[in-house]
Amino acid sequence: MSAIPQQAIVTQKLILIVDDTPTNIGVISGALRDSYKTKIATNGPKALSLACAEEKPDLILLDVMMPEMDGYEVCMRLKAEPSTREIPVIFLTGQTSAEDETRGFEVGAVDYVHKPFSPAVVKARVRSHILLRESGAQLTAQLLELNNELDMARQIQLSILPHTVPQLPGLEIVARFRPMTAVAGDFYDFVQIDDKHLGILIADVSGHGLSSALIASMLQVALTAQVVHASEPAKVLSGLNHALCGKFTQHFVTAAYVYVDLEKSQMRYAGAGHPPVMQFRRSTGKTNKLLENGLILGMFENATYETLQCPLRAGDRYVLYTDGIVEAASPAAELYGEDRFMRFIDDNQALGAEQFADALLDEVSQWGQPACQGQQDDITLLLFDFKRF
């Protein structure tokens, strides 16, 4: 049973009037009395006391010229106090020079009402700034709600990613996942058949944010249905493509799927519009690109894929990644690029898998745009070292 909505109780806004001239107080109070509650202070200290009371004013009308403590100092103290800094302050003044008004805005005022007062102008200015404050508070609440929802989405996304990497004799696997925002369009997962056979999927949904993250979450379900074909990368990608086609129109997915067969010391790989797999051969000391790409996922229902097979040799390192690495741009707009990536792999071949992954991400971070601009794209990195002799 749904609850019957209750009509919200509308409370009058409280306006604090600060002026040492009774005539001015009478004019302003008369202009506002029908629409607002008012409190009166005739000096700065009293104004600060009322502003900090439990029932805080929604707006303050503040005379500039007062004995002992002028309006500028009162305003500065209000803005320095966390509990009152968000209360809008409108200065009341007979001074009209640009320098005086500039000083008022510098200390935190939002507007001026010049003497002699027009009741209609006073009421209009108060109403405008009350509405602005309410709109700002509403936007703040909506932003907080959105951030809470994004944080929840982030937690959900992290929960569907592998919490640990598979442990297979003769194989060391490392995974790193760095979303650009709270949620990401990147995805990775493993299909472990036994301690000698393992499937590895890495994927990248176009775009960023919630829509990309939702599509990425679909890949987990779609991959589960492909376990029967786990040893055949081309069939896995075909199955994923079939599962995704027709589900969205504004995005696409790139992916690479690798099947590691430790029993035969073989690796089989197929791609769908994804960056090439980097293969480091210990025997040559050089990194090569492995590329066997079909069409992107989710756009072409009849897309077909081919499988590339290569032997695993002791000391080999294979690196799978999303394009957030190679497309990281320097402040001069130069991409990190595949060639620089391959040189980094060659130059850091002696590092263990964990150390290599951290060093690479540090390198890309330092290469990228200034820290104030943040990460430019989602980054996922998967690598495995074959150690069996």
Protein backbone atom coordinates (compact mmCIF):
# COMPACT_ATOMS: atom_id res chain seq x y z
CA MET A 1 0.00 0.00 0.00
CA SER A 2 1.43 3.37 -0.95
CA ALA A 3 1.57 6.12 1.61
CA ILE A 4 -0.64 9.19 1.17
CA PRO A 5 1.65 12.13 0.47
CA GLN A 6 1.62 14.80 3.14
CA GLN A 7 1.64 18.42 2.06
CA ALA A 8 4.92 20.01 3.04
CA ILE A 9 4.68 22.65 5.75
CA VAL A 10 5.98 25.93 4.31
CA THR A 11 7.89 27.97 6.90
CA GLN A 12 8.64 31.62 6.46
CA LYS A 13 12.24 32.50 5.76
CA LEU A 14 14.09 34.45 8.43
CA ILE A 15 15.73 37.73 7.44
CA LEU A 16 18.23 39.41 9.78
CA ILE A 17 18.19 43.21 9.40
CA VAL A 18 21.34 44.93 10.68
CA ASP A 19 21.23 48.74 10.80
CA ASP A 20 21.85 51.38 13.47
CA THR A 21 19.20 53.77 12.13
CA PRO A 22 15.61 53.15 13.34
CA THR A 23 14.10 54.77 10.23
CA ASN A 24 15.94 52.35 7.94
CA ILE A 25 14.89 49.39 10.08
CA GLY A 26 11.25 50.54 9.88
CA VAL A 27 11.29 50.87 6.09
CA ILE A 28 12.90 47.44 5.56
CA SER A 29 10.77 45.67 8.15
CA GLY A 30 7.64 47.15 6.62
CA ALA A 31 8.64 45.93 3.16
CA LEU A 32 9.28 42.37 4.36
CA ARG A 33 6.78 41.75 7.16
CA ASP A 34 4.09 40.17 4.96
CA SER A 35 6.42 37.58 3.42
CA TYR A 36 9.22 36.91 5.90
CA LYS A 37 10.07 36.65 9.57
CA THR A 38 12.57 39.29 10.66
CA LYS A 39 15.07 39.84 13.43
CA ILE A 40 16.79 43.12 14.19
CA ALA A 41 20.34 43.99 15.22
CA THR A 42 21.58 47.54 15.63
CA ASN A 43 25.30 46.78 15.77
CA GLY A 44 27.89 44.29 14.52
CA PRO A 45 28.37 42.16 17.66
CA LYS A 46 24.63 41.68 18.06
CA ALA A 47 24.38 40.73 14.38
CA LEU A 48 27.07 38.05 14.78
CA SER A 49 25.32 36.68 17.87
CA LEU A 50 21.96 36.38 16.09
CA ALA A 51 23.57 34.90 12.97
CA CYS A 52 25.20 32.16 15.06
CA ALA A 53 22.04 31.35 17.02
CA GLU A 54 20.30 27.99 16.69
CA GLU A 55 17.73 29.47 14.30
CA LYS A 56 20.01 30.94 11.69
CA PRO A 57 18.82 33.61 9.24
CA ASP A 58 18.25 32.66 5.63
CA LEU A 59 19.57 36.04 4.48
CA ILE A 60 21.20 39.05 6.11
CA LEU A 61 20.62 42.70 5.17
CA LEU A 62 23.72 44.43 6.52
CA ASP A 63 24.42 48.15 6.86
CA VAL A 64 27.95 49.07 5.83
CA MET A 65 28.49 52.14 8.02
CA MET A 66 28.06 51.28 11.70
CA PRO A 67 30.01 52.34 14.82
CA GLU A 68 32.48 49.99 16.53
CA MET A 69 32.30 47.26 13.85
CA ASP A 70 31.41 48.17 10.27
CA GLY A 71 29.55 45.93 7.83
CA TYR A 72 32.73 44.82 6.04
CA GLU A 73 34.17 43.35 9.21
CA VAL A 74 30.87 41.72 10.15
CA CYS A 75 30.67 40.12 6.71
CA MET A 76 34.27 38.87 6.89
CA ARG A 77 33.59 37.24 10.25
CA LEU A 78 30.41 35.63 8.95
CA LYS A 79 32.29 34.15 5.98
CA ALA A 80 35.09 32.91 8.21
CA GLU A 81 32.68 30.89 10.35
CA PRO A 82 31.64 27.52 8.83
CA SER A 83 28.14 27.69 10.32
CA THR A 84 27.35 31.09 8.74
CA ARG A 85 29.52 31.34 5.64
CA GLU A 86 26.73 30.14 3.32
CA ILE A 87 24.22 32.78 4.47
CA PRO A 88 23.85 35.38 1.68
CA VAL A 89 24.66 38.94 2.71
CA ILE A 90 23.20 42.02 0.99
CA PHE A 91 24.86 45.27 1.92
CA LEU A 92 22.79 48.36 2.73
CA THR A 93 24.73 51.50 1.83
CA GLY A 94 24.60 55.07 0.65
CA GLN A 95 28.03 54.68 -0.96
CA THR A 96 27.88 54.10 -4.69
CA SER A 97 31.51 54.18 -5.84
CA ALA A 98 32.91 51.21 -7.73
CA GLU A 99 35.67 50.84 -5.12
CA ASP A 100 33.18 50.53 -2.27
CA GLU A 101 31.07 47.97 -4.11
CA THR A 102 34.14 46.00 -5.16
CA ARG A 103 35.30 45.82 -1.55
CA GLY A 104 31.88 44.52 -0.51
CA PHE A 105 31.95 41.72 -3.07
CA GLU A 106 35.52 40.85 -2.07
CA VAL A 107 34.51 40.25 1.55
CA GLY A 108 31.63 38.03 0.49
CA ALA A 109 28.49 40.07 -0.16
CA VAL A 110 26.14 38.90 -2.92
CA ASP A 111 24.44 42.21 -3.68
CA TYR A 112 23.88 45.85 -2.72
CA VAL A 113 20.74 47.88 -1.91
CA HIS A 114 21.39 51.58 -2.02
CA LYS A 115 19.88 54.22 0.25
CA PRO A 116 17.33 55.75 0.25
CA PHE A 117 15.51 52.41 0.14
CA SER A 118 12.73 51.52 -2.21
CA PRO A 119 10.56 48.92 -0.41
CA ALA A 120 9.80 47.21 -3.73
CA VAL A 121 13.53 46.93 -4.58
CA VAL A 122 14.38 45.59 -1.12
CA LYS A 123 11.68 42.95 -1.37
CA ALA A 124 12.68 41.97 -4.92
CA ARG A 125 16.38 41.63 -4.05
CA VAL A 126 15.62 39.56 -0.96
CA ARG A 127 13.28 37.28 -2.90
CA SER A 128 15.83 36.76 -5.70
CA HIS A 129 18.63 35.74 -3.36
CA ILE A 130 16.39 33.52 -1.25
CA LEU A 131 15.38 31.68 -4.44
CA LEU A 132 19.03 31.45 -5.53
CA ARG A 133 20.00 29.97 -2.19
CA GLU A 134 17.19 27.43 -2.32
CA SER A 135 18.21 26.44 -5.85
CA GLY A 136 21.82 26.06 -4.74
CA ALA A 137 20.80 23.91 -1.79
CA GLN A 138 18.65 21.76 -4.07
CA LEU A 139 21.52 21.31 -6.52
CA THR A 140 23.86 20.42 -3.67
CA ALA A 141 21.43 17.79 -2.40
CA GLN A 142 21.01 16.36 -5.91
CA LEU A 143 24.79 16.25 -6.38
CA LEU A 144 25.20 14.46 -3.06
CA GLU A 145 22.54 11.93 -4.08
CA LEU A 146 24.23 11.42 -7.45
CA ASN A 147 27.62 10.94 -5.80
CA ASN A 148 26.09 8.40 -3.43
CA GLU A 149 24.57 6.53 -6.37
CA LEU A 150 27.89 6.62 -8.24
CA ASP A 151 29.68 5.27 -5.19
CA MET A 152 27.13 2.47 -4.95
CA ALA A 153 27.60 1.75 -8.66
CA ARG A 154 31.36 1.67 -8.14
CA GLN A 155 31.00 -0.84 -5.32
CA ILE A 156 28.74 -3.01 -7.48
CA GLN A 157 31.15 -2.86 -10.40
CA LEU A 158 34.11 -3.77 -8.22
CA SER A 159 32.12 -6.68 -6.81
CA ILE A 160 31.70 -8.26 -10.26
CA LEU A 161 35.40 -8.01 -11.11
CA PRO A 162 37.66 -10.84 -9.92
CA HIS A 163 38.77 -10.31 -6.34
CA THR A 164 41.87 -12.44 -6.87
CA VAL A 165 43.78 -13.73 -9.87
CA PRO A 166 43.95 -17.48 -10.61
CA GLN A 167 46.92 -19.37 -9.22
CA LEU A 168 48.27 -21.87 -11.77
CA PRO A 169 51.59 -23.71 -11.45
CA GLY A 170 54.10 -22.21 -13.88
CA LEU A 171 52.05 -19.05 -14.50
CA GLU A 172 52.18 -15.71 -12.67
CA ILE A 173 49.21 -13.43 -13.36
CA VAL A 174 48.82 -9.76 -12.41
CA ALA A 175 45.77 -7.52 -12.88
CA ARG A 176 45.39 -3.77 -12.45
CA PHE A 177 42.12 -1.83 -12.83
CA ARG A 178 42.09 1.98 -12.71
CA PRO A 179 38.80 3.65 -13.67
CA MET A 180 38.90 7.26 -14.86
CA THR A 181 35.80 8.12 -12.81
CA ALA A 182 33.77 6.36 -10.14
CA VAL A 183 32.72 3.69 -12.63
CA ALA A 184 34.40 2.39 -15.76
CA GLY A 185 33.68 0.87 -19.14
CA ASP A 186 36.61 -1.54 -18.78
CA PHE A 187 36.08 -5.16 -17.80
CA TYR A 188 38.17 -8.27 -17.28
CA ASP A 189 37.52 -11.79 -16.05
CA PHE A 190 38.96 -15.28 -15.99
CA VAL A 191 37.55 -18.66 -16.98
CA GLN A 192 39.55 -21.26 -15.05
CA ILE A 193 38.93 -24.77 -16.29
CA ASP A 194 41.53 -26.47 -14.09
CA ASP A 195 45.12 -25.90 -12.96
CA LYS A 196 46.41 -26.24 -16.54
CA HIS A 197 43.81 -24.38 -18.60
CA LEU A 198 42.72 -20.75 -18.25
CA GLY A 199 40.73 -18.26 -20.31
CA ILE A 200 41.37 -14.51 -19.93
CA LEU A 201 39.02 -11.80 -21.21
CA ILE A 202 39.74 -8.09 -21.34
CA ALA A 203 37.21 -5.63 -22.79
CA ASP A 204 36.67 -1.92 -23.22
CA VAL A 205 33.25 -0.30 -23.73
CA SER A 206 33.29 2.95 -25.69
CA GLY A 207 32.59 6.09 -23.71
CA HIS A 208 32.69 6.57 -19.96
CA GLY A 209 30.42 6.67 -16.95
CA LEU A 210 27.32 4.75 -15.94
CA SER A 211 26.12 3.69 -19.38
CA SER A 212 29.51 2.17 -20.26
CA ALA A 213 29.73 0.52 -16.84
CA LEU A 214 26.29 -1.07 -17.26
CA ILE A 215 27.33 -2.57 -20.58
CA ALA A 216 30.59 -3.79 -19.04
CA SER A 217 28.58 -5.57 -16.34
CA MET A 218 26.66 -7.41 -19.09
CA LEU A 219 29.92 -9.01 -20.19
CA GLN A 220 30.18 -11.06 -17.00
CA VAL A 221 26.89 -12.81 -17.68
CA ALA A 222 27.70 -13.18 -21.37
CA LEU A 223 31.12 -14.70 -20.62
CA THR A 224 29.64 -17.25 -18.23
CA ALA A 225 27.57 -18.61 -21.10
CA GLN A 226 30.74 -19.15 -23.15
CA VAL A 227 32.49 -21.51 -20.73
CA VAL A 228 31.67 -24.47 -22.99
CA HIS A 229 33.81 -22.80 -25.70
CA ALA A 230 36.52 -21.57 -23.33
CA SER A 231 39.34 -23.23 -25.30
CA GLU A 232 38.24 -21.62 -28.59
CA PRO A 233 38.81 -17.83 -28.51
CA ALA A 234 37.04 -17.19 -31.83
CA LYS A 235 33.89 -18.94 -30.61
CA VAL A 236 34.01 -17.08 -27.29
CA LEU A 237 34.07 -13.70 -29.07
CA SER A 238 31.34 -14.78 -31.47
CA GLY A 239 29.19 -15.80 -28.51
CA LEU A 240 29.82 -12.49 -26.74
CA ASN A 241 28.99 -10.57 -29.89
CA HIS A 242 25.73 -12.47 -30.33
CA ALA A 243 24.79 -11.81 -26.68
CA LEU A 244 25.47 -8.06 -26.98
CA CYS A 245 23.99 -7.30 -30.40
CA GLY A 246 20.72 -5.41 -30.17
CA LYS A 247 21.22 -4.46 -26.52
CA PHE A 248 22.52 -0.92 -27.19
CA THR A 249 23.04 1.49 -30.08
CA GLN A 250 25.30 4.29 -28.82
CA HIS A 251 28.23 2.14 -27.70
CA PHE A 252 30.47 -0.66 -28.90
CA VAL A 253 32.89 -3.03 -27.19
CA THR A 254 36.45 -3.99 -28.03
CA ALA A 255 37.80 -7.20 -26.51
CA ALA A 256 40.62 -9.70 -26.52
CA TYR A 257 40.34 -13.27 -25.30
CA VAL A 258 43.35 -15.47 -24.52
CA TYR A 259 43.30 -19.18 -23.71
CA VAL A 260 46.37 -20.52 -21.93
CA ASP A 261 47.00 -24.26 -22.25
CA LEU A 262 49.81 -25.15 -19.87
CA GLU A 263 49.49 -28.83 -20.70
CA LYS A 264 50.51 -28.17 -24.31
CA SER A 265 52.49 -24.97 -23.57
CA GLN A 266 50.30 -23.06 -26.00
CA MET A 267 48.43 -19.78 -26.07
CA ARG A 268 45.44 -19.14 -28.32
CA TYR A 269 44.13 -15.63 -28.89
CA ALA A 270 41.40 -13.74 -30.75
CA GLY A 271 40.53 -10.05 -30.78
CA ALA A 272 37.56 -7.82 -31.53
CA GLY A 273 38.84 -4.37 -32.46
CA HIS A 274 41.13 -4.41 -29.42
CA PRO A 275 44.75 -3.21 -29.09
CA PRO A 276 47.29 -5.96 -29.87
CA VAL A 277 48.63 -8.32 -27.22
CA MET A 278 52.26 -7.55 -26.36
CA GLN A 279 54.47 -10.66 -26.37
CA PHE A 280 57.93 -10.50 -24.82
CA ARG A 281 60.21 -13.41 -25.76
CA ARG A 282 62.98 -14.14 -23.30
CA SER A 283 64.88 -15.97 -26.04
CA THR A 284 65.16 -12.82 -28.17
CA GLY A 285 64.89 -10.12 -25.51
CA LYS A 286 62.36 -8.32 -27.71
CA THR A 287 58.67 -7.49 -27.61
CA ASN A 288 56.35 -8.31 -30.52
CA LYS A 289 52.75 -7.37 -31.25
CA LEU A 290 50.21 -10.16 -31.65
CA LEU A 291 47.17 -8.99 -33.55
CA GLU A 292 44.22 -11.06 -34.77
CA ASN A 293 41.29 -8.68 -34.80
CA GLY A 294 37.74 -9.14 -35.97
CA LEU A 295 34.97 -6.55 -35.79
CA ILE A 296 34.03 -4.80 -32.56
CA LEU A 297 31.41 -6.46 -30.37
CA GLY A 298 27.76 -5.49 -30.21
CA MET A 299 27.36 -3.84 -33.62
CA PHE A 300 27.46 -6.52 -36.32
CA GLU A 301 25.44 -9.66 -35.66
CA ASN A 302 27.21 -11.77 -38.30
CA ALA A 303 30.76 -10.77 -37.33
CA THR A 304 33.29 -13.61 -37.43
CA TYR A 305 36.58 -14.04 -35.60
CA GLU A 306 39.78 -15.98 -36.11
CA THR A 307 42.11 -17.60 -33.59
CA LEU A 308 45.87 -17.09 -33.51
CA GLN A 309 47.98 -19.79 -31.83
CA CYS A 310 51.54 -19.56 -30.58
CA PRO A 311 53.81 -21.65 -28.33
CA LEU A 312 54.56 -20.66 -24.74
CA ARG A 313 58.23 -20.63 -23.83
CA ALA A 314 59.96 -20.24 -20.50
CA GLY A 315 60.41 -16.58 -19.61
CA ASP A 316 57.70 -15.29 -21.97
CA ARG A 317 55.58 -12.37 -20.82
CA TYR A 318 52.20 -11.49 -22.33
CA VAL A 319 50.57 -8.11 -21.71
CA LEU A 320 46.88 -7.36 -22.34
CA TYR A 321 45.58 -3.84 -21.80
CA THR A 322 42.95 -1.28 -22.72
CA ASP A 323 43.73 1.77 -24.83
CA GLY A 324 43.93 4.08 -21.81
CA ILE A 325 47.62 3.13 -21.72
CA VAL A 326 48.72 3.68 -25.32
CA GLU A 327 46.39 6.68 -25.82
CA ALA A 328 47.53 8.55 -22.72
CA ALA A 329 48.47 12.03 -23.98
CA SER A 330 51.29 14.23 -22.72
CA PRO A 331 50.77 17.96 -22.06
CA ALA A 332 52.08 18.44 -25.61
CA ALA A 333 49.32 16.10 -26.90
CA GLU A 334 51.78 13.32 -27.78
CA LEU A 335 50.37 9.83 -27.23
CA TYR A 336 52.26 7.32 -25.14
CA GLY A 337 51.91 4.92 -28.07
CA GLU A 338 52.65 1.30 -28.81
CA ASP A 339 56.33 1.81 -29.68
CA ARG A 340 57.12 3.48 -26.37
CA PHE A 341 55.10 0.78 -24.62
CA MET A 342 57.14 -1.97 -26.31
CA ARG A 343 60.42 -0.28 -25.35
CA PHE A 344 59.25 -0.09 -21.75
CA ILE A 345 58.54 -3.84 -21.78
CA ASP A 346 62.00 -4.54 -23.23
CA ASP A 347 63.77 -2.23 -20.80
CA ASN A 348 61.98 -3.62 -17.73
CA GLN A 349 62.04 -7.33 -18.53
CA ALA A 350 63.95 -8.09 -15.34
CA LEU A 351 61.13 -6.81 -13.12
CA GLY A 352 58.76 -9.32 -11.58
CA ALA A 353 55.17 -9.20 -12.82
CA GLU A 354 53.86 -7.17 -9.86
CA GLN A 355 56.72 -4.67 -9.97
CA PHE A 356 56.44 -4.37 -13.75
CA ALA A 357 52.70 -3.58 -13.59
CA ASP A 358 53.19 -0.86 -10.98
CA ALA A 359 56.16 0.64 -12.81
CA LEU A 360 54.24 0.78 -16.08
CA LEU A 361 51.24 2.52 -14.55
CA ASP A 362 53.53 5.01 -12.84
CA GLU A 363 55.23 5.67 -16.18
CA VAL A 364 51.92 6.26 -17.94
CA SER A 365 50.69 8.50 -15.12
CA GLN A 366 53.83 10.63 -15.31
CA TRP A 367 53.55 10.78 -19.10
CA GLY A 368 49.96 11.94 -19.04
CA GLN A 369 48.31 15.31 -18.55
CA PRO A 370 48.90 17.40 -15.41
CA ALA A 371 47.51 15.81 -12.25
CA CYS A 372 44.91 18.58 -11.91
CA GLN A 373 43.22 17.32 -15.09
CA GLY A 374 43.05 13.75 -13.83
CA GLN A 375 43.27 10.45 -15.67
CA GLN A 376 42.15 10.66 -19.30
CA ASP A 377 40.65 7.18 -19.76
CA ASP A 378 39.93 3.95 -17.97
CA ILE A 379 42.99 1.73 -17.68
CA THR A 380 43.05 -2.03 -17.28
CA LEU A 381 46.25 -4.06 -17.39
CA LEU A 382 46.55 -7.85 -17.37
CA LEU A 383 49.82 -9.68 -17.76
CA PHE A 384 51.08 -13.19 -17.24
CA ASP A 385 54.58 -14.66 -17.10
CA PHE A 386 55.14 -18.23 -18.27
CA LYS A 387 57.76 -19.80 -16.03
CA ARG A 388 57.56 -23.50 -16.75
CA PHE A 389 60.71 -25.07 -18.16
